[in-house]
């Protein structure tokens, strides 16, 4: 099993970043119904104003090959598009459990 952890830093005012983060979270949380290889996903929005990262997700898929299936699935691409204009940075770690 692979854990796919991604964190995002968004641009804009705190209010703008929060709204984009909430819309992104809702879209991501709907993905298990759309993507067969996506066993689970958890999405969190940062509540700590002293930190600069806005959103973190943890997705679980069976294999590293399934990370690519998930990443290129049209429903995931559409979810990612929600934050495309405000995404400042992205960091990712994939590891086997």
PDB file of N, CA and C in Angstrom:
ATOM      1  N   UNK A   1       0.850  -1.167   0.000  1.00  0.00           N
ATOM      2  CA  UNK A   1       0.000   0.000   0.000  1.00  0.00           C
ATOM      3  C   UNK A   1       0.905   1.242   0.000  1.00  0.00           C
ATOM      4  N   UNK A   2       0.473   2.270  -0.740  1.00  0.00           N
ATOM      5  CA  UNK A   2       1.221   3.519  -0.854  1.00  0.00           C
ATOM      6  C   UNK A   2       0.428   4.652  -0.203  1.00  0.00           C
ATOM      7  N   UNK A   3       1.121   5.412   0.617  1.00  0.00           N
ATOM      8  CA  UNK A   3       0.573   6.663   1.153  1.00  0.00           C
ATOM      9  C   UNK A   3       1.134   7.791   0.294  1.00  0.00           C
ATOM     10  N   UNK A   4       0.259   8.590  -0.224  1.00  0.00           N
ATOM     11  CA  UNK A   4       0.597   9.728  -1.099  1.00  0.00           C
ATOM     12  C   UNK A   4       0.215  10.972  -0.304  1.00  0.00           C
ATOM     13  N   UNK A   5       1.221  11.722   0.159  1.00  0.00           N
ATOM     14  CA  UNK A   5       0.972  12.898   0.985  1.00  0.00           C
ATOM     15  C   UNK A   5       1.426  14.137   0.225  1.00  0.00           C
ATOM     16  N   UNK A   6       0.515  15.094   0.101  1.00  0.00           N
ATOM     17  CA  UNK A   6       0.803  16.315  -0.652  1.00  0.00           C
ATOM     18  C   UNK A   6       0.347  17.510   0.180  1.00  0.00           C
ATOM     19  N   UNK A   7       1.163  18.549   0.183  1.00  0.00           N
ATOM     20  CA  UNK A   7       0.787  19.788   0.857  1.00  0.00           C
ATOM     21  C   UNK A   7       0.882  20.940  -0.133  1.00  0.00           C
ATOM     22  N   UNK A   8       0.008  21.902   0.034  1.00  0.00           N
ATOM     23  CA  UNK A   8      -0.094  23.023  -0.886  1.00  0.00           C
ATOM     24  C   UNK A   8      -0.026  24.341  -0.142  1.00  0.00           C
ATOM     25  N   UNK A   9       0.679  25.283  -0.733  1.00  0.00           N
ATOM     26  CA  UNK A   9       0.709  26.661  -0.267  1.00  0.00           C
ATOM     27  C   UNK A   9      -0.008  27.477  -1.348  1.00  0.00           C
ATOM     28  N   UNK A  10      -0.997  28.259  -0.923  1.00  0.00           N
ATOM     29  CA  UNK A  10      -1.795  29.046  -1.863  1.00  0.00           C
ATOM     30  C   UNK A  10      -1.448  30.523  -1.759  1.00  0.00           C
ATOM     31  N   UNK A  11      -1.772  31.266  -2.825  1.00  0.00           N
ATOM     32  CA  UNK A  11      -1.551  32.714  -2.864  1.00  0.00           C
ATOM     33  C   UNK A  11      -2.869  33.430  -2.591  1.00  0.00           C
ATOM     34  N   UNK A  12      -2.760  34.657  -2.084  1.00  0.00           N
ATOM     35  CA  UNK A  12      -3.943  35.487  -1.886  1.00  0.00           C
ATOM     36  C   UNK A  12      -4.145  35.839  -0.427  1.00  0.00           C
ATOM     37  N   UNK A  13      -5.218  36.549  -0.175  1.00  0.00           N
ATOM     38  CA  UNK A  13      -5.561  36.911   1.197  1.00  0.00           C
ATOM     39  C   UNK A  13      -5.954  35.635   1.956  1.00  0.00           C
ATOM     40  N   UNK A  14      -5.939  35.693   3.277  1.00  0.00           N
ATOM     41  CA  UNK A  14      -6.387  34.518   4.035  1.00  0.00           C
ATOM     42  C   UNK A  14      -7.792  34.059   3.642  1.00  0.00           C
ATOM     43  N   UNK A  15      -8.669  35.013   3.365  1.00  0.00           N
ATOM     44  CA  UNK A  15     -10.041  34.668   2.982  1.00  0.00           C
ATOM     45  C   UNK A  15     -10.080  33.958   1.628  1.00  0.00           C
ATOM     46  N   UNK A  16      -9.317  34.458   0.676  1.00  0.00           N
ATOM     47  CA  UNK A  16      -9.262  33.843  -0.654  1.00  0.00           C
ATOM     48  C   UNK A  16      -8.669  32.442  -0.552  1.00  0.00           C
ATOM     49  N   UNK A  17      -7.577  32.315   0.180  1.00  0.00           N
ATOM     50  CA  UNK A  17      -6.931  31.012   0.333  1.00  0.00           C
ATOM     51  C   UNK A  17      -7.876  30.017   1.008  1.00  0.00           C
ATOM     52  N   UNK A  18      -8.596  30.462   2.022  1.00  0.00           N
ATOM     53  CA  UNK A  18      -9.539  29.584   2.738  1.00  0.00           C
ATOM     54  C   UNK A  18     -10.642  29.110   1.800  1.00  0.00           C
ATOM     55  N   UNK A  19     -11.198  30.002   0.981  1.00  0.00           N
ATOM     56  CA  UNK A  19     -12.285  29.610   0.080  1.00  0.00           C
ATOM     57  C   UNK A  19     -11.802  28.591  -0.959  1.00  0.00           C
ATOM     58  N   UNK A  20     -10.653  28.850  -1.563  1.00  0.00           N
ATOM     59  CA  UNK A  20     -10.103  27.891  -2.516  1.00  0.00           C
ATOM     60  C   UNK A  20      -9.818  26.558  -1.829  1.00  0.00           C
ATOM     61  N   UNK A  21      -9.263  26.608  -0.625  1.00  0.00           N
ATOM     62  CA  UNK A  21      -8.950  25.380   0.112  1.00  0.00           C
ATOM     63  C   UNK A  21     -10.220  24.580   0.395  1.00  0.00           C
ATOM     64  N   UNK A  22     -11.292  25.242   0.776  1.00  0.00           N
ATOM     65  CA  UNK A  22     -12.548  24.546   1.063  1.00  0.00           C
ATOM     66  C   UNK A  22     -13.128  23.906  -0.199  1.00  0.00           C
ATOM     67  N   UNK A  23     -13.087  24.628  -1.318  1.00  0.00           N
ATOM     68  CA  UNK A  23     -13.593  24.079  -2.579  1.00  0.00           C
ATOM     69  C   UNK A  23     -12.751  22.892  -3.035  1.00  0.00           C
ATOM     70  N   UNK A  24     -11.434  23.007  -2.892  1.00  0.00           N
ATOM     71  CA  UNK A  24     -10.504  21.940  -3.258  1.00  0.00           C
ATOM     72  C   UNK A  24     -10.744  20.708  -2.387  1.00  0.00           C
ATOM     73  N   UNK A  25     -10.899  20.924  -1.092  1.00  0.00           N
ATOM     74  CA  UNK A  25     -11.150  19.829  -0.154  1.00  0.00           C
ATOM     75  C   UNK A  25     -12.412  19.060  -0.534  1.00  0.00           C
ATOM     76  N   UNK A  26     -13.480  19.774  -0.822  1.00  0.00           N
ATOM     77  CA  UNK A  26     -14.742  19.117  -1.194  1.00  0.00           C
ATOM     78  C   UNK A  26     -14.574  18.274  -2.455  1.00  0.00           C
ATOM     79  N   UNK A  27     -13.866  18.805  -3.433  1.00  0.00           N
ATOM     80  CA  UNK A  27     -13.656  18.068  -4.686  1.00  0.00           C
ATOM     81  C   UNK A  27     -12.791  16.830  -4.450  1.00  0.00           C
ATOM     82  N   UNK A  28     -11.746  16.967  -3.657  1.00  0.00           N
ATOM     83  CA  UNK A  28     -10.874  15.824  -3.374  1.00  0.00           C
ATOM     84  C   UNK A  28     -11.606  14.734  -2.601  1.00  0.00           C
ATOM     85  N   UNK A  29     -12.408  15.120  -1.638  1.00  0.00           N
ATOM     86  CA  UNK A  29     -13.113  14.131  -0.824  1.00  0.00           C
ATOM     87  C   UNK A  29     -14.155  13.344  -1.610  1.00  0.00           C
ATOM     88  N   UNK A  30     -14.549  13.840  -2.773  1.00  0.00           N
ATOM     89  CA  UNK A  30     -15.489  13.119  -3.634  1.00  0.00           C
ATOM     90  C   UNK A  30     -14.791  12.096  -4.531  1.00  0.00           C
ATOM     91  N   UNK A  31     -13.473  12.147  -4.609  1.00  0.00           N
ATOM     92  CA  UNK A  31     -12.740  11.304  -5.554  1.00  0.00           C
ATOM     93  C   UNK A  31     -12.827   9.796  -5.324  1.00  0.00           C
ATOM     94  N   UNK A  32     -12.907   9.290  -4.097  1.00  0.00           N
ATOM     95  CA  UNK A  32     -13.002   7.828  -3.952  1.00  0.00           C
ATOM     96  C   UNK A  32     -14.193   7.210  -4.686  1.00  0.00           C
ATOM     97  N   UNK A  33     -15.242   7.976  -4.869  1.00  0.00           N
ATOM     98  CA  UNK A  33     -16.409   7.483  -5.628  1.00  0.00           C
ATOM     99  C   UNK A  33     -16.128   7.424  -7.128  1.00  0.00           C
ATOM    100  N   UNK A  34     -15.137   8.174  -7.579  1.00  0.00           N
ATOM    101  CA  UNK A  34     -14.817   8.289  -9.002  1.00  0.00           C
ATOM    102  C   UNK A  34     -13.619   7.453  -9.444  1.00  0.00           C
ATOM    103  N   UNK A  35     -12.670   7.234  -8.545  1.00  0.00           N
ATOM    104  CA  UNK A  35     -11.391   6.619  -8.909  1.00  0.00           C
ATOM    105  C   UNK A  35     -11.248   5.290  -8.171  1.00  0.00           C
ATOM    106  N   UNK A  36     -11.313   4.192  -8.914  1.00  0.00           N
ATOM    107  CA  UNK A  36     -11.309   2.858  -8.307  1.00  0.00           C
ATOM    108  C   UNK A  36     -10.079   2.574  -7.460  1.00  0.00           C
ATOM    109  N   UNK A  37      -8.895   3.019  -7.882  1.00  0.00           N
ATOM    110  CA  UNK A  37      -7.666   2.697  -7.145  1.00  0.00           C
ATOM    111  C   UNK A  37      -7.492   3.521  -5.875  1.00  0.00           C
ATOM    112  N   UNK A  38      -8.296   4.547  -5.710  1.00  0.00           N
ATOM    113  CA  UNK A  38      -8.186   5.419  -4.533  1.00  0.00           C
ATOM    114  C   UNK A  38      -8.952   4.782  -3.373  1.00  0.00           C
ATOM    115  N   UNK A  39      -8.187   4.154  -2.472  1.00  0.00           N
ATOM    116  CA  UNK A  39      -8.806   3.446  -1.351  1.00  0.00           C
ATOM    117  C   UNK A  39      -9.327   4.402  -0.290  1.00  0.00           C
ATOM    118  N   UNK A  40      -8.600   5.510  -0.074  1.00  0.00           N
ATOM    119  CA  UNK A  40      -9.019   6.481   0.940  1.00  0.00           C
ATOM    120  C   UNK A  40      -8.317   7.803   0.673  1.00  0.00           C
ATOM    121  N   UNK A  41      -8.944   8.882   1.126  1.00  0.00           N
ATOM    122  CA  UNK A  41      -8.312  10.196   1.067  1.00  0.00           C
ATOM    123  C   UNK A  41      -8.762  10.996   2.280  1.00  0.00           C
ATOM    124  N   UNK A  42      -7.825  11.704   2.854  1.00  0.00           N
ATOM    125  CA  UNK A  42      -8.108  12.620   3.956  1.00  0.00           C
ATOM    126  C   UNK A  42      -7.520  13.969   3.578  1.00  0.00           C
ATOM    127  N   UNK A  43      -8.299  15.027   3.757  1.00  0.00           N
ATOM    128  CA  UNK A  43      -7.859  16.365   3.375  1.00  0.00           C
ATOM    129  C   UNK A  43      -8.038  17.289   4.568  1.00  0.00           C
ATOM    130  N   UNK A  44      -6.975  18.039   4.882  1.00  0.00           N
ATOM    131  CA  UNK A  44      -7.043  18.976   5.987  1.00  0.00           C
ATOM    132  C   UNK A  44      -6.686  20.378   5.540  1.00  0.00           C
ATOM    133  N   UNK A  45      -7.367  21.348   6.131  1.00  0.00           N
ATOM    134  CA  UNK A  45      -7.082  22.756   5.898  1.00  0.00           C
ATOM    135  C   UNK A  45      -6.401  23.292   7.151  1.00  0.00           C
ATOM    136  N   UNK A  46      -5.262  23.934   6.973  1.00  0.00           N
ATOM    137  CA  UNK A  46      -4.475  24.428   8.098  1.00  0.00           C
ATOM    138  C   UNK A  46      -5.264  25.434   8.932  1.00  0.00           C
ATOM    139  N   UNK A  47      -5.275  25.221  10.231  1.00  0.00           N
ATOM    140  CA  UNK A  47      -5.942  26.129  11.171  1.00  0.00           C
ATOM    141  C   UNK A  47      -4.952  27.024  11.899  1.00  0.00           C
ATOM    142  N   UNK A  48      -3.658  26.810  11.698  1.00  0.00           N
ATOM    143  CA  UNK A  48      -2.628  27.534  12.431  1.00  0.00           C
ATOM    144  C   UNK A  48      -2.164  28.744  11.616  1.00  0.00           C
ATOM    145  N   UNK A  49      -2.533  29.963  12.008  1.00  0.00           N
ATOM    146  CA  UNK A  49      -2.149  31.147  11.233  1.00  0.00           C
ATOM    147  C   UNK A  49      -0.651  31.427  11.242  1.00  0.00           C
ATOM    148  N   UNK A  50       0.093  30.790  12.131  1.00  0.00           N
ATOM    149  CA  UNK A  50       1.544  30.989  12.175  1.00  0.00           C
ATOM    150  C   UNK A  50       2.266  30.156  11.116  1.00  0.00           C
ATOM    151  N   UNK A  51       1.558  29.258  10.455  1.00  0.00           N
ATOM    152  CA  UNK A  51       2.150  28.405   9.425  1.00  0.00           C
ATOM    153  C   UNK A  51       1.718  28.874   8.042  1.00  0.00           C
ATOM    154  N   UNK A  52       2.534  28.574   7.040  1.00  0.00           N
ATOM    155  CA  UNK A  52       2.268  29.122   5.706  1.00  0.00           C
ATOM    156  C   UNK A  52       1.674  28.124   4.710  1.00  0.00           C
ATOM    157  N   UNK A  53       1.602  26.846   5.053  1.00  0.00           N
ATOM    158  CA  UNK A  53       0.994  25.863   4.149  1.00  0.00           C
ATOM    159  C   UNK A  53      -0.498  25.804   4.429  1.00  0.00           C
ATOM    160  N   UNK A  54      -1.286  25.657   3.372  1.00  0.00           N
ATOM    161  CA  UNK A  54      -2.741  25.784   3.501  1.00  0.00           C
ATOM    162  C   UNK A  54      -3.509  24.470   3.538  1.00  0.00           C
ATOM    163  N   UNK A  55      -3.104  23.510   2.716  1.00  0.00           N
ATOM    164  CA  UNK A  55      -3.874  22.271   2.552  1.00  0.00           C
ATOM    165  C   UNK A  55      -2.914  21.089   2.562  1.00  0.00           C
ATOM    166  N   UNK A  56      -3.360  19.994   3.177  1.00  0.00           N
ATOM    167  CA  UNK A  56      -2.608  18.747   3.110  1.00  0.00           C
ATOM    168  C   UNK A  56      -3.590  17.624   2.778  1.00  0.00           C
ATOM    169  N   UNK A  57      -3.131  16.686   1.957  1.00  0.00           N
ATOM    170  CA  UNK A  57      -3.949  15.518   1.683  1.00  0.00           C
ATOM    171  C   UNK A  57      -3.113  14.264   1.864  1.00  0.00           C
ATOM    172  N   UNK A  58      -3.780  13.232   2.331  1.00  0.00           N
ATOM    173  CA  UNK A  58      -3.184  11.909   2.419  1.00  0.00           C
ATOM    174  C   UNK A  58      -4.103  10.966   1.668  1.00  0.00           C
ATOM    175  N   UNK A  59      -3.583  10.386   0.600  1.00  0.00           N
ATOM    176  CA  UNK A  59      -4.344   9.428  -0.204  1.00  0.00           C
ATOM    177  C   UNK A  59      -3.693   8.059  -0.066  1.00  0.00           C
ATOM    178  N   UNK A  60      -4.498   7.018  -0.120  1.00  0.00           N
ATOM    179  CA  UNK A  60      -4.008   5.654  -0.038  1.00  0.00           C
ATOM    180  C   UNK A  60      -4.399   4.913  -1.305  1.00  0.00           C
ATOM    181  N   UNK A  61      -3.383   4.331  -1.967  1.00  0.00           N
ATOM    182  CA  UNK A  61      -3.592   3.528  -3.167  1.00  0.00           C
ATOM    183  C   UNK A  61      -2.781   2.236  -3.025  1.00  0.00           C
ATOM    184  N   UNK A  62      -3.125   1.189  -3.786  1.00  0.00           N
ATOM    185  CA  UNK A  62      -2.421  -0.080  -3.623  1.00  0.00           C
ATOM    186  C   UNK A  62      -0.943  -0.073  -4.025  1.00  0.00           C
ATOM    187  N   UNK A  63      -0.584   0.585  -5.130  1.00  0.00           N
ATOM    188  CA  UNK A  63       0.787   0.504  -5.654  1.00  0.00           C
ATOM    189  C   UNK A  63       1.258   1.874  -6.140  1.00  0.00           C
ATOM    190  N   UNK A  64       2.574   1.990  -6.370  1.00  0.00           N
ATOM    191  CA  UNK A  64       3.108   3.229  -6.942  1.00  0.00           C
ATOM    192  C   UNK A  64       2.514   3.495  -8.321  1.00  0.00           C
ATOM    193  N   UNK A  65       2.274   2.463  -9.099  1.00  0.00           N
ATOM    194  CA  UNK A  65       1.647   2.647 -10.413  1.00  0.00           C
ATOM    195  C   UNK A  65       0.266   3.279 -10.270  1.00  0.00           C
ATOM    196  N   UNK A  66      -0.419   2.960  -9.177  1.00  0.00           N
ATOM    197  CA  UNK A  66      -1.749   3.532  -8.951  1.00  0.00           C
ATOM    198  C   UNK A  66      -1.702   5.012  -8.596  1.00  0.00           C
ATOM    199  N   UNK A  67      -0.573   5.495  -8.106  1.00  0.00           N
ATOM    200  CA  UNK A  67      -0.424   6.936  -7.881  1.00  0.00           C
ATOM    201  C   UNK A  67      -0.585   7.662  -9.214  1.00  0.00           C
ATOM    202  N   UNK A  68       0.022   7.127 -10.268  1.00  0.00           N
ATOM    203  CA  UNK A  68      -0.100   7.731 -11.600  1.00  0.00           C
ATOM    204  C   UNK A  68      -1.529   7.623 -12.128  1.00  0.00           C
ATOM    205  N   UNK A  69      -2.186   6.506 -11.874  1.00  0.00           N
ATOM    206  CA  UNK A  69      -3.591   6.348 -12.299  1.00  0.00           C
ATOM    207  C   UNK A  69      -4.445   7.414 -11.632  1.00  0.00           C
ATOM    208  N   UNK A  70      -4.259   7.574 -10.335  1.00  0.00           N
ATOM    209  CA  UNK A  70      -4.987   8.589  -9.561  1.00  0.00           C
ATOM    210  C   UNK A  70      -4.678   9.997 -10.079  1.00  0.00           C
ATOM    211  N   UNK A  71      -3.397  10.293 -10.264  1.00  0.00           N
ATOM    212  CA  UNK A  71      -2.972  11.646 -10.642  1.00  0.00           C
ATOM    213  C   UNK A  71      -3.486  12.069 -12.005  1.00  0.00           C
ATOM    214  N   UNK A  72      -3.629  11.131 -12.923  1.00  0.00           N
ATOM    215  CA  UNK A  72      -4.044  11.468 -14.289  1.00  0.00           C
ATOM    216  C   UNK A  72      -5.530  11.253 -14.548  1.00  0.00           C
ATOM    217  N   UNK A  73      -6.241  10.754 -13.561  1.00  0.00           N
ATOM    218  CA  UNK A  73      -7.682  10.530 -13.733  1.00  0.00           C
ATOM    219  C   UNK A  73      -8.377  11.881 -13.958  1.00  0.00           C
ATOM    220  N   UNK A  74      -9.310  11.951 -14.894  1.00  0.00           N
ATOM    221  CA  UNK A  74      -9.982  13.229 -15.185  1.00  0.00           C
ATOM    222  C   UNK A  74     -10.634  13.892 -13.963  1.00  0.00           C
ATOM    223  N   UNK A  75     -11.159  13.117 -13.040  1.00  0.00           N
ATOM    224  CA  UNK A  75     -11.773  13.714 -11.845  1.00  0.00           C
ATOM    225  C   UNK A  75     -10.719  14.368 -10.955  1.00  0.00           C
ATOM    226  N   UNK A  76      -9.541  13.756 -10.863  1.00  0.00           N
ATOM    227  CA  UNK A  76      -8.456  14.361 -10.085  1.00  0.00           C
ATOM    228  C   UNK A  76      -7.926  15.609 -10.780  1.00  0.00           C
ATOM    229  N   UNK A  77      -7.777  15.535 -12.087  1.00  0.00           N
ATOM    230  CA  UNK A  77      -7.302  16.692 -12.858  1.00  0.00           C
ATOM    231  C   UNK A  77      -8.266  17.868 -12.664  1.00  0.00           C
ATOM    232  N   UNK A  78      -9.559  17.595 -12.673  1.00  0.00           N
ATOM    233  CA  UNK A  78     -10.555  18.652 -12.468  1.00  0.00           C
ATOM    234  C   UNK A  78     -10.451  19.230 -11.059  1.00  0.00           C
ATOM    235  N   UNK A  79     -10.234  18.380 -10.060  1.00  0.00           N
ATOM    236  CA  UNK A  79     -10.081  18.870  -8.684  1.00  0.00           C
ATOM    237  C   UNK A  79      -8.849  19.755  -8.569  1.00  0.00           C
ATOM    238  N   UNK A  80      -7.738  19.327  -9.164  1.00  0.00           N
ATOM    239  CA  UNK A  80      -6.501  20.104  -9.109  1.00  0.00           C
ATOM    240  C   UNK A  80      -6.655  21.460  -9.793  1.00  0.00           C
ATOM    241  N   UNK A  81      -7.488  21.514 -10.816  1.00  0.00           N
ATOM    242  CA  UNK A  81      -7.699  22.767 -11.544  1.00  0.00           C
ATOM    243  C   UNK A  81      -8.326  23.841 -10.658  1.00  0.00           C
ATOM    244  N   UNK A  82      -9.025  23.436  -9.610  1.00  0.00           N
ATOM    245  CA  UNK A  82      -9.678  24.396  -8.718  1.00  0.00           C
ATOM    246  C   UNK A  82      -8.667  25.367  -8.120  1.00  0.00           C
ATOM    247  N   UNK A  83      -7.475  24.868  -7.787  1.00  0.00           N
ATOM    248  CA  UNK A  83      -6.482  25.738  -7.148  1.00  0.00           C
ATOM    249  C   UNK A  83      -5.362  26.165  -8.096  1.00  0.00           C
ATOM    250  N   UNK A  84      -5.461  25.817  -9.355  1.00  0.00           N
ATOM    251  CA  UNK A  84      -4.337  26.066 -10.273  1.00  0.00           C
ATOM    252  C   UNK A  84      -3.928  27.538 -10.339  1.00  0.00           C
ATOM    253  N   UNK A  85      -4.871  28.451 -10.284  1.00  0.00           N
ATOM    254  CA  UNK A  85      -4.514  29.872 -10.406  1.00  0.00           C
ATOM    255  C   UNK A  85      -3.972  30.473  -9.113  1.00  0.00           C
ATOM    256  N   UNK A  86      -4.152  29.772  -7.977  1.00  0.00           N
ATOM    257  CA  UNK A  86      -3.668  30.308  -6.704  1.00  0.00           C
ATOM    258  C   UNK A  86      -2.592  29.432  -6.057  1.00  0.00           C
ATOM    259  N   UNK A  87      -2.211  28.357  -6.711  1.00  0.00           N
ATOM    260  CA  UNK A  87      -1.195  27.459  -6.134  1.00  0.00           C
ATOM    261  C   UNK A  87       0.179  28.107  -6.217  1.00  0.00           C
ATOM    262  N   UNK A  88       0.795  28.308  -5.060  1.00  0.00           N
ATOM    263  CA  UNK A  88       2.142  28.876  -5.000  1.00  0.00           C
ATOM    264  C   UNK A  88       3.196  27.778  -4.957  1.00  0.00           C
ATOM    265  N   UNK A  89       2.960  26.756  -4.119  1.00  0.00           N
ATOM    266  CA  UNK A  89       3.923  25.675  -3.957  1.00  0.00           C
ATOM    267  C   UNK A  89       3.191  24.373  -3.674  1.00  0.00           C
ATOM    268  N   UNK A  90       3.903  23.282  -4.015  1.00  0.00           N
ATOM    269  CA  UNK A  90       3.391  21.929  -3.751  1.00  0.00           C
ATOM    270  C   UNK A  90       4.572  21.086  -3.330  1.00  0.00           C
ATOM    271  N   UNK A  91       4.366  20.237  -2.326  1.00  0.00           N
ATOM    272  CA  UNK A  91       5.391  19.277  -1.901  1.00  0.00           C
ATOM    273  C   UNK A  91       4.701  17.922  -1.745  1.00  0.00           C
ATOM    274  N   UNK A  92       5.422  16.852  -2.103  1.00  0.00           N
ATOM    275  CA  UNK A  92       4.826  15.525  -2.105  1.00  0.00           C
ATOM    276  C   UNK A  92       5.809  14.487  -1.581  1.00  0.00           C
ATOM    277  N   UNK A  93       5.279  13.511  -0.864  1.00  0.00           N
ATOM    278  CA  UNK A  93       6.022  12.328  -0.438  1.00  0.00           C
ATOM    279  C   UNK A  93       5.130  11.117  -0.671  1.00  0.00           C
ATOM    280  N   UNK A  94       5.686  10.089  -1.324  1.00  0.00           N
ATOM    281  CA  UNK A  94       5.001   8.812  -1.519  1.00  0.00           C
ATOM    282  C   UNK A  94       5.825   7.745  -0.816  1.00  0.00           C
ATOM    283  N   UNK A  95       5.192   6.956   0.031  1.00  0.00           N
ATOM    284  CA  UNK A  95       5.943   5.909   0.713  1.00  0.00           C
ATOM    285  C   UNK A  95       5.091   4.654   0.858  1.00  0.00           C
ATOM    286  N   UNK A  96       5.786   3.524   0.968  1.00  0.00           N
ATOM    287  CA  UNK A  96       5.114   2.234   1.108  1.00  0.00           C
ATOM    288  C   UNK A  96       4.860   1.946   2.573  1.00  0.00           C
ATOM    289  N   UNK A  97       3.660   1.428   2.826  1.00  0.00           N
ATOM    290  CA  UNK A  97       3.268   1.060   4.188  1.00  0.00           C
ATOM    291  C   UNK A  97       3.296  -0.454   4.298  1.00  0.00           C
TER     292      UNK A  97
END
